[in-house]
Amino acid sequence: MPAEPDNNTTRILSAELIAKECVAVRLRLLTRAVSRIYNKALRPHGITISQMNILVAVSYMGKSNHQQVCSALSLDKSTLSRDVERMIDKGWLVSLAGHDGRTSLLRVTSAGQKLLSRASPAWRHAQEQATALLGEATLASLGRAVSAVRSHKSTEPR
């Protein structure tokens, strides 16, 4: 009869399994690598990829409340608030009173629009680098995965 593995062996096997197979760890590694590419390209413009995404989302929506931006970018409120505060301080966004006085709306300023225009070539260069790093097949898979997540999210009970 084989001996039962001791507790230390079980811990080592679990750690090895998680280190090799954890989806969250692998996705975080990819996210960090890709974010480094974009942040390096955008650094001369004084903006991070997270801030660029917020600027693009708000610009695309025209005026938007925090909830809409959080939903569009799958951000939590504290992360958004931190970046938005910095972006308002830099003059890229403005916060306007909402319709009911309890909410505020974000709008991109002319300085924010100019920044988007200036930073777009750097973003495009980073996009090319990220595409080269990951490859077209991986990007197609990521697109399908994002669609699946969005589809699943829309069917979840609120």
N, C-alpha and C. Protein backbone atom coordinates (compact mmCIF):
# COMPACT_ATOMS: atom_id res chain seq x y z
N MET A 1 0.85 -1.18 0.00
CA MET A 1 0.00 0.00 0.00
C MET A 1 0.89 1.24 0.00
N PRO A 2 0.65 2.19 -0.95
CA PRO A 2 1.50 3.38 -1.02
C PRO A 2 1.30 4.26 0.20
N ALA A 3 2.36 4.91 0.58
CA ALA A 3 2.31 5.80 1.74
C ALA A 3 1.54 7.06 1.38
N GLU A 4 0.83 7.58 2.35
CA GLU A 4 0.13 8.85 2.18
C GLU A 4 1.15 9.97 2.06
N PRO A 5 0.96 10.91 1.13
CA PRO A 5 1.91 12.02 1.06
C PRO A 5 1.81 12.87 2.32
N ASP A 6 2.97 13.33 2.80
CA ASP A 6 2.92 14.17 3.99
C ASP A 6 2.39 15.56 3.62
N ASN A 7 2.07 16.32 4.63
CA ASN A 7 1.46 17.64 4.44
C ASN A 7 2.36 18.56 3.62
N ASN A 8 3.68 18.47 3.81
CA ASN A 8 4.62 19.31 3.08
C ASN A 8 4.60 18.96 1.59
N THR A 9 4.54 17.68 1.27
CA THR A 9 4.49 17.25 -0.13
C THR A 9 3.21 17.76 -0.79
N THR A 10 2.10 17.69 -0.08
CA THR A 10 0.83 18.18 -0.61
C THR A 10 0.91 19.68 -0.89
N ARG A 11 1.52 20.43 0.03
CA ARG A 11 1.68 21.88 -0.17
C ARG A 11 2.54 22.16 -1.39
N ILE A 12 3.63 21.41 -1.55
CA ILE A 12 4.53 21.62 -2.69
C ILE A 12 3.80 21.30 -3.99
N LEU A 13 3.06 20.19 -4.01
CA LEU A 13 2.31 19.83 -5.21
C LEU A 13 1.26 20.88 -5.55
N SER A 14 0.58 21.38 -4.53
CA SER A 14 -0.43 22.41 -4.76
C SER A 14 0.22 23.68 -5.29
N ALA A 15 1.33 24.10 -4.71
CA ALA A 15 2.01 25.30 -5.15
C ALA A 15 2.52 25.13 -6.59
N GLU A 16 3.06 23.97 -6.90
CA GLU A 16 3.56 23.70 -8.25
C GLU A 16 2.41 23.74 -9.26
N LEU A 17 1.31 23.10 -8.91
CA LEU A 17 0.14 23.08 -9.79
C LEU A 17 -0.38 24.50 -10.04
N ILE A 18 -0.52 25.26 -8.99
CA ILE A 18 -1.03 26.63 -9.11
C ILE A 18 -0.06 27.48 -9.92
N ALA A 19 1.24 27.36 -9.64
CA ALA A 19 2.24 28.15 -10.36
C ALA A 19 2.22 27.85 -11.86
N LYS A 20 1.98 26.60 -12.22
CA LYS A 20 1.99 26.22 -13.63
C LYS A 20 0.67 26.47 -14.35
N GLU A 21 -0.46 26.36 -13.63
CA GLU A 21 -1.75 26.34 -14.31
C GLU A 21 -2.71 27.48 -13.99
N CYS A 22 -2.42 28.30 -13.02
CA CYS A 22 -3.38 29.33 -12.59
C CYS A 22 -3.65 30.32 -13.73
N VAL A 23 -4.89 30.39 -14.14
CA VAL A 23 -5.30 31.30 -15.20
C VAL A 23 -5.06 32.75 -14.78
N ALA A 24 -5.39 33.09 -13.55
CA ALA A 24 -5.23 34.47 -13.07
C ALA A 24 -3.77 34.90 -13.13
N VAL A 25 -2.86 34.04 -12.71
CA VAL A 25 -1.44 34.37 -12.73
C VAL A 25 -0.98 34.59 -14.17
N ARG A 26 -1.36 33.70 -15.07
CA ARG A 26 -0.94 33.83 -16.46
C ARG A 26 -1.50 35.10 -17.10
N LEU A 27 -2.76 35.41 -16.83
CA LEU A 27 -3.34 36.62 -17.38
C LEU A 27 -2.68 37.87 -16.81
N ARG A 28 -2.35 37.86 -15.52
CA ARG A 28 -1.67 39.01 -14.92
C ARG A 28 -0.29 39.22 -15.53
N LEU A 29 0.42 38.12 -15.79
CA LEU A 29 1.72 38.23 -16.44
C LEU A 29 1.58 38.88 -17.82
N LEU A 30 0.60 38.42 -18.58
CA LEU A 30 0.35 39.01 -19.90
C LEU A 30 -0.03 40.49 -19.78
N THR A 31 -0.92 40.78 -18.85
CA THR A 31 -1.37 42.16 -18.67
C THR A 31 -0.22 43.07 -18.31
N ARG A 32 0.63 42.63 -17.41
CA ARG A 32 1.77 43.46 -17.01
C ARG A 32 2.74 43.67 -18.17
N ALA A 33 3.00 42.61 -18.93
CA ALA A 33 3.92 42.74 -20.06
C ALA A 33 3.37 43.71 -21.11
N VAL A 34 2.11 43.58 -21.42
CA VAL A 34 1.49 44.45 -22.42
C VAL A 34 1.39 45.88 -21.88
N SER A 35 1.02 46.03 -20.63
CA SER A 35 0.93 47.38 -20.03
C SER A 35 2.29 48.08 -20.07
N ARG A 36 3.37 47.33 -19.83
CA ARG A 36 4.71 47.93 -19.90
C ARG A 36 4.98 48.51 -21.29
N ILE A 37 4.57 47.79 -22.33
CA ILE A 37 4.77 48.26 -23.70
C ILE A 37 4.04 49.59 -23.91
N TYR A 38 2.77 49.64 -23.54
CA TYR A 38 1.98 50.86 -23.73
C TYR A 38 2.48 51.99 -22.85
N ASN A 39 2.77 51.71 -21.58
CA ASN A 39 3.22 52.76 -20.68
C ASN A 39 4.55 53.36 -21.12
N LYS A 40 5.45 52.52 -21.63
CA LYS A 40 6.73 53.02 -22.14
C LYS A 40 6.49 53.96 -23.33
N ALA A 41 5.61 53.56 -24.23
CA ALA A 41 5.32 54.39 -25.41
C ALA A 41 4.63 55.70 -25.03
N LEU A 42 3.75 55.65 -24.04
CA LEU A 42 2.97 56.82 -23.66
C LEU A 42 3.68 57.74 -22.66
N ARG A 43 4.72 57.24 -22.00
CA ARG A 43 5.42 58.01 -20.96
C ARG A 43 5.84 59.41 -21.42
N PRO A 44 6.38 59.56 -22.64
CA PRO A 44 6.76 60.92 -23.07
C PRO A 44 5.59 61.90 -23.11
N HIS A 45 4.39 61.39 -23.16
CA HIS A 45 3.20 62.24 -23.19
C HIS A 45 2.62 62.46 -21.80
N GLY A 46 3.23 61.84 -20.78
CA GLY A 46 2.80 62.04 -19.41
C GLY A 46 1.52 61.31 -19.03
N ILE A 47 1.20 60.26 -19.75
CA ILE A 47 -0.05 59.53 -19.50
C ILE A 47 0.24 58.03 -19.46
N THR A 48 -0.54 57.31 -18.65
CA THR A 48 -0.44 55.86 -18.58
C THR A 48 -1.52 55.24 -19.45
N ILE A 49 -1.39 53.96 -19.72
CA ILE A 49 -2.41 53.29 -20.52
C ILE A 49 -3.75 53.27 -19.78
N SER A 50 -3.73 53.16 -18.47
CA SER A 50 -4.99 53.20 -17.71
C SER A 50 -5.69 54.54 -17.88
N GLN A 51 -4.92 55.62 -17.79
CA GLN A 51 -5.48 56.95 -17.96
C GLN A 51 -5.95 57.16 -19.40
N MET A 52 -5.18 56.64 -20.35
CA MET A 52 -5.56 56.75 -21.76
C MET A 52 -6.90 56.05 -22.00
N ASN A 53 -7.07 54.87 -21.41
CA ASN A 53 -8.33 54.15 -21.58
C ASN A 53 -9.51 54.94 -21.02
N ILE A 54 -9.30 55.59 -19.89
CA ILE A 54 -10.37 56.40 -19.29
C ILE A 54 -10.67 57.60 -20.19
N LEU A 55 -9.62 58.26 -20.66
CA LEU A 55 -9.79 59.41 -21.55
C LEU A 55 -10.54 59.02 -22.82
N VAL A 56 -10.17 57.89 -23.39
CA VAL A 56 -10.84 57.40 -24.60
C VAL A 56 -12.30 57.08 -24.31
N ALA A 57 -12.56 56.39 -23.20
CA ALA A 57 -13.94 56.01 -22.87
C ALA A 57 -14.82 57.24 -22.67
N VAL A 58 -14.32 58.21 -21.90
CA VAL A 58 -15.11 59.42 -21.65
C VAL A 58 -15.28 60.21 -22.95
N SER A 59 -14.23 60.29 -23.75
CA SER A 59 -14.32 60.99 -25.03
C SER A 59 -15.36 60.32 -25.93
N TYR A 60 -15.33 59.01 -25.98
CA TYR A 60 -16.26 58.25 -26.82
C TYR A 60 -17.70 58.45 -26.38
N MET A 61 -17.92 58.50 -25.06
CA MET A 61 -19.29 58.64 -24.53
C MET A 61 -19.77 60.09 -24.51
N GLY A 62 -18.87 61.04 -24.67
CA GLY A 62 -19.26 62.45 -24.60
C GLY A 62 -19.20 62.92 -23.16
N LYS A 63 -20.27 62.74 -22.45
CA LYS A 63 -20.32 62.98 -21.00
C LYS A 63 -20.73 61.66 -20.38
N SER A 64 -20.09 61.32 -19.27
CA SER A 64 -20.43 60.05 -18.64
C SER A 64 -20.25 60.14 -17.14
N ASN A 65 -21.06 59.39 -16.43
CA ASN A 65 -20.87 59.34 -14.99
C ASN A 65 -19.85 58.25 -14.65
N HIS A 66 -19.43 58.23 -13.43
CA HIS A 66 -18.41 57.28 -13.00
C HIS A 66 -18.85 55.83 -13.22
N GLN A 67 -20.11 55.56 -12.94
CA GLN A 67 -20.64 54.20 -13.09
C GLN A 67 -20.52 53.72 -14.53
N GLN A 68 -20.82 54.59 -15.48
CA GLN A 68 -20.73 54.22 -16.89
C GLN A 68 -19.29 53.90 -17.30
N VAL A 69 -18.35 54.70 -16.81
CA VAL A 69 -16.94 54.46 -17.13
C VAL A 69 -16.48 53.16 -16.48
N CYS A 70 -16.85 52.96 -15.22
CA CYS A 70 -16.48 51.71 -14.52
C CYS A 70 -17.02 50.51 -15.28
N SER A 71 -18.25 50.59 -15.71
CA SER A 71 -18.87 49.50 -16.43
C SER A 71 -18.18 49.25 -17.78
N ALA A 72 -17.91 50.32 -18.51
CA ALA A 72 -17.30 50.18 -19.83
C ALA A 72 -15.90 49.58 -19.75
N LEU A 73 -15.15 49.93 -18.70
CA LEU A 73 -13.76 49.48 -18.59
C LEU A 73 -13.55 48.37 -17.56
N SER A 74 -14.62 47.92 -16.94
CA SER A 74 -14.55 46.92 -15.87
C SER A 74 -13.57 47.34 -14.77
N LEU A 75 -13.75 48.57 -14.30
CA LEU A 75 -12.93 49.10 -13.22
C LEU A 75 -13.74 49.18 -11.95
N ASP A 76 -13.06 49.11 -10.81
CA ASP A 76 -13.77 49.37 -9.57
C ASP A 76 -13.72 50.88 -9.30
N LYS A 77 -14.64 51.36 -8.49
CA LYS A 77 -14.80 52.80 -8.28
C LYS A 77 -13.54 53.45 -7.72
N SER A 78 -12.84 52.78 -6.80
CA SER A 78 -11.67 53.39 -6.20
C SER A 78 -10.54 53.58 -7.21
N THR A 79 -10.35 52.62 -8.10
CA THR A 79 -9.33 52.75 -9.14
C THR A 79 -9.68 53.90 -10.07
N LEU A 80 -10.92 53.97 -10.49
CA LEU A 80 -11.35 55.06 -11.37
C LEU A 80 -11.18 56.40 -10.68
N SER A 81 -11.65 56.51 -9.45
CA SER A 81 -11.59 57.78 -8.72
C SER A 81 -10.16 58.29 -8.60
N ARG A 82 -9.22 57.39 -8.32
CA ARG A 82 -7.82 57.77 -8.18
C ARG A 82 -7.28 58.36 -9.49
N ASP A 83 -7.53 57.67 -10.60
CA ASP A 83 -7.05 58.15 -11.89
C ASP A 83 -7.78 59.42 -12.33
N VAL A 84 -9.08 59.47 -12.13
CA VAL A 84 -9.86 60.64 -12.53
C VAL A 84 -9.39 61.89 -11.77
N GLU A 85 -9.11 61.74 -10.49
CA GLU A 85 -8.62 62.88 -9.70
C GLU A 85 -7.33 63.43 -10.30
N ARG A 86 -6.41 62.55 -10.65
CA ARG A 86 -5.14 62.98 -11.26
C ARG A 86 -5.39 63.65 -12.61
N MET A 87 -6.32 63.08 -13.37
CA MET A 87 -6.60 63.59 -14.71
C MET A 87 -7.30 64.96 -14.66
N ILE A 88 -8.12 65.17 -13.66
CA ILE A 88 -8.74 66.49 -13.46
C ILE A 88 -7.66 67.50 -13.08
N ASP A 89 -6.75 67.09 -12.17
CA ASP A 89 -5.65 67.97 -11.75
C ASP A 89 -4.77 68.37 -12.93
N LYS A 90 -4.61 67.45 -13.90
CA LYS A 90 -3.77 67.74 -15.07
C LYS A 90 -4.54 68.49 -16.15
N GLY A 91 -5.85 68.68 -15.95
CA GLY A 91 -6.65 69.44 -16.90
C GLY A 91 -7.16 68.65 -18.08
N TRP A 92 -7.11 67.32 -17.99
CA TRP A 92 -7.56 66.47 -19.11
C TRP A 92 -9.05 66.17 -19.04
N LEU A 93 -9.59 66.17 -17.83
CA LEU A 93 -11.01 65.91 -17.61
C LEU A 93 -11.58 67.02 -16.75
N VAL A 94 -12.89 67.20 -16.85
CA VAL A 94 -13.60 68.11 -15.96
C VAL A 94 -14.79 67.35 -15.40
N SER A 95 -15.13 67.66 -14.16
CA SER A 95 -16.29 67.04 -13.52
C SER A 95 -17.40 68.08 -13.48
N LEU A 96 -18.54 67.71 -14.05
CA LEU A 96 -19.70 68.60 -14.11
C LEU A 96 -20.82 68.06 -13.23
N ALA A 97 -21.66 68.94 -12.74
CA ALA A 97 -22.80 68.51 -11.93
C ALA A 97 -23.75 67.70 -12.80
N GLY A 98 -24.23 66.59 -12.24
CA GLY A 98 -25.20 65.76 -12.95
C GLY A 98 -26.59 66.36 -12.89
N HIS A 99 -27.53 65.68 -13.52
CA HIS A 99 -28.91 66.17 -13.62
C HIS A 99 -29.59 66.29 -12.26
N ASP A 100 -29.31 65.33 -11.36
CA ASP A 100 -30.02 65.34 -10.09
C ASP A 100 -29.21 65.97 -8.95
N GLY A 101 -28.01 66.44 -9.23
CA GLY A 101 -27.21 67.08 -8.20
C GLY A 101 -26.44 66.10 -7.33
N ARG A 102 -26.81 64.83 -7.37
CA ARG A 102 -26.12 63.84 -6.54
C ARG A 102 -24.99 63.16 -7.30
N THR A 103 -25.03 63.23 -8.60
CA THR A 103 -24.00 62.58 -9.42
C THR A 103 -23.21 63.64 -10.17
N SER A 104 -22.04 63.23 -10.63
CA SER A 104 -21.26 64.14 -11.46
C SER A 104 -20.98 63.45 -12.78
N LEU A 105 -20.80 64.27 -13.79
CA LEU A 105 -20.50 63.77 -15.13
C LEU A 105 -19.07 64.16 -15.49
N LEU A 106 -18.40 63.27 -16.17
CA LEU A 106 -17.05 63.56 -16.64
C LEU A 106 -17.11 63.96 -18.10
N ARG A 107 -16.25 64.90 -18.47
CA ARG A 107 -16.14 65.31 -19.85
C ARG A 107 -14.67 65.58 -20.13
N VAL A 108 -14.22 65.23 -21.32
CA VAL A 108 -12.84 65.49 -21.72
C VAL A 108 -12.71 66.96 -22.08
N THR A 109 -11.65 67.59 -21.59
CA THR A 109 -11.39 69.00 -21.89
C THR A 109 -10.68 69.11 -23.24
N SER A 110 -10.52 70.33 -23.71
CA SER A 110 -9.77 70.52 -24.95
C SER A 110 -8.32 70.07 -24.77
N ALA A 111 -7.75 70.26 -23.58
CA ALA A 111 -6.39 69.77 -23.32
C ALA A 111 -6.36 68.24 -23.38
N GLY A 112 -7.40 67.60 -22.89
CA GLY A 112 -7.49 66.14 -22.96
C GLY A 112 -7.61 65.66 -24.40
N GLN A 113 -8.40 66.37 -25.21
CA GLN A 113 -8.53 66.01 -26.63
C GLN A 113 -7.20 66.19 -27.37
N LYS A 114 -6.48 67.26 -27.06
CA LYS A 114 -5.17 67.48 -27.68
C LYS A 114 -4.19 66.38 -27.27
N LEU A 115 -4.25 65.99 -26.01
CA LEU A 115 -3.39 64.91 -25.53
C LEU A 115 -3.69 63.61 -26.28
N LEU A 116 -4.97 63.31 -26.45
CA LEU A 116 -5.35 62.12 -27.21
C LEU A 116 -4.77 62.16 -28.62
N SER A 117 -4.86 63.29 -29.25
CA SER A 117 -4.32 63.44 -30.61
C SER A 117 -2.81 63.26 -30.64
N ARG A 118 -2.12 63.90 -29.69
CA ARG A 118 -0.66 63.81 -29.64
C ARG A 118 -0.18 62.41 -29.29
N ALA A 119 -0.90 61.73 -28.40
CA ALA A 119 -0.47 60.42 -27.91
C ALA A 119 -0.90 59.27 -28.83
N SER A 120 -1.81 59.53 -29.75
CA SER A 120 -2.30 58.45 -30.62
C SER A 120 -1.21 57.74 -31.42
N PRO A 121 -0.25 58.44 -32.01
CA PRO A 121 0.82 57.71 -32.71
C PRO A 121 1.63 56.80 -31.78
N ALA A 122 1.87 57.25 -30.55
CA ALA A 122 2.59 56.41 -29.58
C ALA A 122 1.75 55.18 -29.23
N TRP A 123 0.44 55.40 -29.07
CA TRP A 123 -0.44 54.27 -28.80
C TRP A 123 -0.41 53.29 -29.97
N ARG A 124 -0.46 53.80 -31.18
CA ARG A 124 -0.45 52.96 -32.38
C ARG A 124 0.84 52.12 -32.43
N HIS A 125 1.97 52.76 -32.09
CA HIS A 125 3.26 52.05 -32.06
C HIS A 125 3.22 50.93 -31.00
N ALA A 126 2.69 51.24 -29.83
CA ALA A 126 2.58 50.22 -28.77
C ALA A 126 1.64 49.10 -29.21
N GLN A 127 0.58 49.45 -29.91
CA GLN A 127 -0.37 48.45 -30.42
C GLN A 127 0.35 47.49 -31.36
N GLU A 128 1.20 48.02 -32.23
CA GLU A 128 1.97 47.18 -33.15
C GLU A 128 2.93 46.27 -32.39
N GLN A 129 3.58 46.81 -31.37
CA GLN A 129 4.51 46.01 -30.56
C GLN A 129 3.77 44.89 -29.82
N ALA A 130 2.63 45.22 -29.23
CA ALA A 130 1.85 44.22 -28.50
C ALA A 130 1.35 43.14 -29.44
N THR A 131 0.93 43.54 -30.62
CA THR A 131 0.46 42.58 -31.63
C THR A 131 1.60 41.65 -32.05
N ALA A 132 2.78 42.23 -32.25
CA ALA A 132 3.93 41.41 -32.63
C ALA A 132 4.31 40.44 -31.51
N LEU A 133 4.24 40.91 -30.27
CA LEU A 133 4.58 40.06 -29.12
C LEU A 133 3.61 38.88 -28.99
N LEU A 134 2.32 39.16 -29.08
CA LEU A 134 1.31 38.14 -28.83
C LEU A 134 0.96 37.33 -30.07
N GLY A 135 1.01 37.95 -31.24
CA GLY A 135 0.65 37.25 -32.47
C GLY A 135 -0.84 37.36 -32.76
N GLU A 136 -1.15 37.27 -34.03
CA GLU A 136 -2.54 37.43 -34.48
C GLU A 136 -3.46 36.35 -33.91
N ALA A 137 -2.98 35.11 -33.85
CA ALA A 137 -3.83 34.01 -33.35
C ALA A 137 -4.19 34.23 -31.88
N THR A 138 -3.22 34.67 -31.08
CA THR A 138 -3.49 34.93 -29.66
C THR A 138 -4.46 36.08 -29.52
N LEU A 139 -4.27 37.12 -30.33
CA LEU A 139 -5.20 38.26 -30.26
C LEU A 139 -6.61 37.86 -30.65
N ALA A 140 -6.73 36.99 -31.64
CA ALA A 140 -8.06 36.50 -32.02
C ALA A 140 -8.69 35.72 -30.85
N SER A 141 -7.89 34.91 -30.19
CA SER A 141 -8.38 34.16 -29.01
C SER A 141 -8.79 35.11 -27.90
N LEU A 142 -7.98 36.14 -27.68
CA LEU A 142 -8.32 37.12 -26.64
C LEU A 142 -9.64 37.83 -26.99
N GLY A 143 -9.83 38.16 -28.25
CA GLY A 143 -11.08 38.78 -28.68
C GLY A 143 -12.28 37.89 -28.38
N ARG A 144 -12.13 36.60 -28.66
CA ARG A 144 -13.23 35.66 -28.36
C ARG A 144 -13.45 35.55 -26.85
N ALA A 145 -12.37 35.55 -26.09
CA ALA A 145 -12.49 35.46 -24.63
C ALA A 145 -13.20 36.69 -24.07
N VAL A 146 -12.85 37.87 -24.56
CA VAL A 146 -13.51 39.10 -24.11
C VAL A 146 -14.99 39.06 -24.46
N SER A 147 -15.31 38.62 -25.65
CA SER A 147 -16.72 38.50 -26.05
C SER A 147 -17.47 37.55 -25.14
N ALA A 148 -16.84 36.44 -24.80
CA ALA A 148 -17.48 35.46 -23.90
C ALA A 148 -17.71 36.06 -22.52
N VAL A 149 -16.73 36.79 -22.01
CA VAL A 149 -16.87 37.41 -20.69
C VAL A 149 -17.97 38.46 -20.72
N ARG A 150 -17.99 39.29 -21.75
CA ARG A 150 -19.04 40.32 -21.86
C ARG A 150 -20.41 39.69 -21.99
N SER A 151 -20.52 38.62 -22.75
CA SER A 151 -21.78 37.92 -22.93
C SER A 151 -22.24 37.32 -21.60
N HIS A 152 -21.30 36.71 -20.89
CA HIS A 152 -21.63 36.10 -19.60
C HIS A 152 -22.03 37.16 -18.60
N LYS A 153 -21.33 38.29 -18.61
CA LYS A 153 -21.62 39.38 -17.68
C LYS A 153 -23.02 39.93 -17.90
N SER A 154 -23.45 39.99 -19.16
CA SER A 154 -24.78 40.55 -19.45
C SER A 154 -25.90 39.60 -19.05
N THR A 155 -25.59 38.33 -18.82
CA THR A 155 -26.62 37.38 -18.43
C THR A 155 -26.63 37.12 -16.92
N GLU A 156 -25.64 37.68 -16.21
CA GLU A 156 -25.60 37.48 -14.75
C GLU A 156 -26.71 38.29 -14.09
N PRO A 157 -27.30 37.74 -13.03
CA PRO A 157 -28.30 38.52 -12.29
C PRO A 157 -27.61 39.68 -11.56
N ARG A 158 -28.29 40.79 -11.47
CA ARG A 158 -27.69 41.97 -10.81
C ARG A 158 -28.02 42.02 -9.36
